[in-house]
Amino acid sequence: MTRKLRLIKGASRRGTLVYGMRIVEQGAVSAVEDARITTADGSRGRVTMHLIEGTRDQIRRQLMQSIDAFFELLDEQ
C-alpha cells in the first residue's frame, strides 16, 4: 500500500537521498556516468555519480565536505 506524503504547515519537508559509492583501486576507473532514477509517478531524472580517489582518510574527508556543500546549496534554495 503506497502512502502519499502530506505537508503540514510548519513541518520540515521530507525527502530521500539517493547516494551510491564503491571503492576500487586508484586508476581502475575509466568512466563515471550518470545514474538514472524513475519516481513513483513515472517521471525520470538523473543522479550524478561522483569519483573520489585517495586514501581512506582522504576519501572520507572529501565525502564529508561534499555532503556539507550539498546541504548548504539545498538550504539556499
Protein backbone atom coordinates (compact mmCIF):
# COMPACT_ATOMS: atom_id res chain seq x y z
CA MET A 1 0.00 0.00 0.00
CA THR A 2 1.51 3.29 -1.10
CA ARG A 3 1.23 6.22 1.28
CA LYS A 4 1.18 9.76 -0.05
CA LEU A 5 3.23 12.44 1.67
CA ARG A 6 1.29 15.23 3.26
CA LEU A 7 2.87 18.58 4.10
CA ILE A 8 1.88 20.03 7.44
CA LYS A 9 2.21 23.79 7.87
CA GLY A 10 5.48 24.50 9.64
CA ALA A 11 6.76 20.95 9.24
CA SER A 12 10.07 20.25 7.54
CA ARG A 13 9.95 18.83 4.04
CA ARG A 14 10.97 15.21 3.88
CA GLY A 15 12.92 13.57 1.08
CA THR A 16 15.09 10.67 0.04
CA LEU A 17 18.84 10.93 -0.53
CA VAL A 18 19.99 8.56 -3.24
CA TYR A 19 23.72 8.01 -2.98
CA GLY A 20 25.92 5.23 -4.20
CA MET A 21 29.57 4.54 -3.68
CA ARG A 22 32.17 1.92 -4.32
CA ILE A 23 35.91 1.92 -3.71
CA VAL A 24 38.12 0.45 -6.42
CA GLU A 25 41.85 0.57 -6.99
CA GLN A 26 43.14 4.00 -7.98
CA GLY A 27 43.36 4.29 -11.76
CA ALA A 28 40.98 1.37 -12.35
CA VAL A 29 38.01 3.58 -13.34
CA SER A 30 37.79 4.60 -16.98
CA ALA A 31 34.43 6.43 -16.81
CA VAL A 32 31.76 7.60 -14.39
CA GLU A 33 28.33 8.05 -15.94
CA ASP A 34 25.05 9.45 -14.71
CA ALA A 35 22.71 7.05 -12.96
CA ARG A 36 19.03 7.17 -13.82
CA ILE A 37 16.13 7.39 -11.39
CA THR A 38 12.43 6.79 -12.00
CA THR A 39 9.99 8.26 -9.49
CA ALA A 40 6.70 6.76 -8.37
CA ASP A 41 4.80 8.98 -10.81
CA GLY A 42 6.83 7.62 -13.73
CA SER A 43 8.99 10.69 -14.35
CA ARG A 44 12.68 10.15 -14.90
CA GLY A 45 15.76 12.01 -13.82
CA ARG A 46 19.48 11.55 -13.34
CA VAL A 47 21.65 11.18 -10.28
CA THR A 48 25.18 12.43 -10.76
CA MET A 49 27.75 9.94 -9.57
CA HIS A 50 30.99 11.31 -8.14
CA LEU A 51 34.51 9.93 -8.20
CA ILE A 52 36.83 10.48 -5.22
CA GLU A 53 40.32 8.96 -5.17
CA GLY A 54 42.86 8.81 -2.37
CA THR A 55 43.50 7.11 0.94
CA ARG A 56 40.60 6.11 3.14
CA ASP A 57 41.07 9.26 5.23
CA GLN A 58 41.29 11.48 2.13
CA ILE A 59 38.13 9.89 0.68
CA ARG A 60 36.26 10.28 3.98
CA ARG A 61 37.31 13.94 4.31
CA GLN A 62 36.26 14.75 0.72
CA LEU A 63 32.95 12.90 1.13
CA MET A 64 32.11 14.86 4.29
CA GLN A 65 32.97 18.13 2.51
CA SER A 66 30.76 17.13 -0.43
CA ILE A 67 27.86 16.29 1.86
CA ASP A 68 28.24 19.61 3.71
CA ALA A 69 28.30 21.50 0.39
CA PHE A 70 25.20 19.61 -0.81
CA PHE A 71 23.18 20.68 2.23
CA GLU A 72 24.48 24.27 2.06
CA LEU A 73 23.24 24.51 -1.53
CA LEU A 74 19.94 22.90 -0.56
CA ASP A 75 19.47 25.44 2.26
CA GLU A 76 19.98 28.33 -0.20
CA GLN A 77 17.03 27.26 -2.33
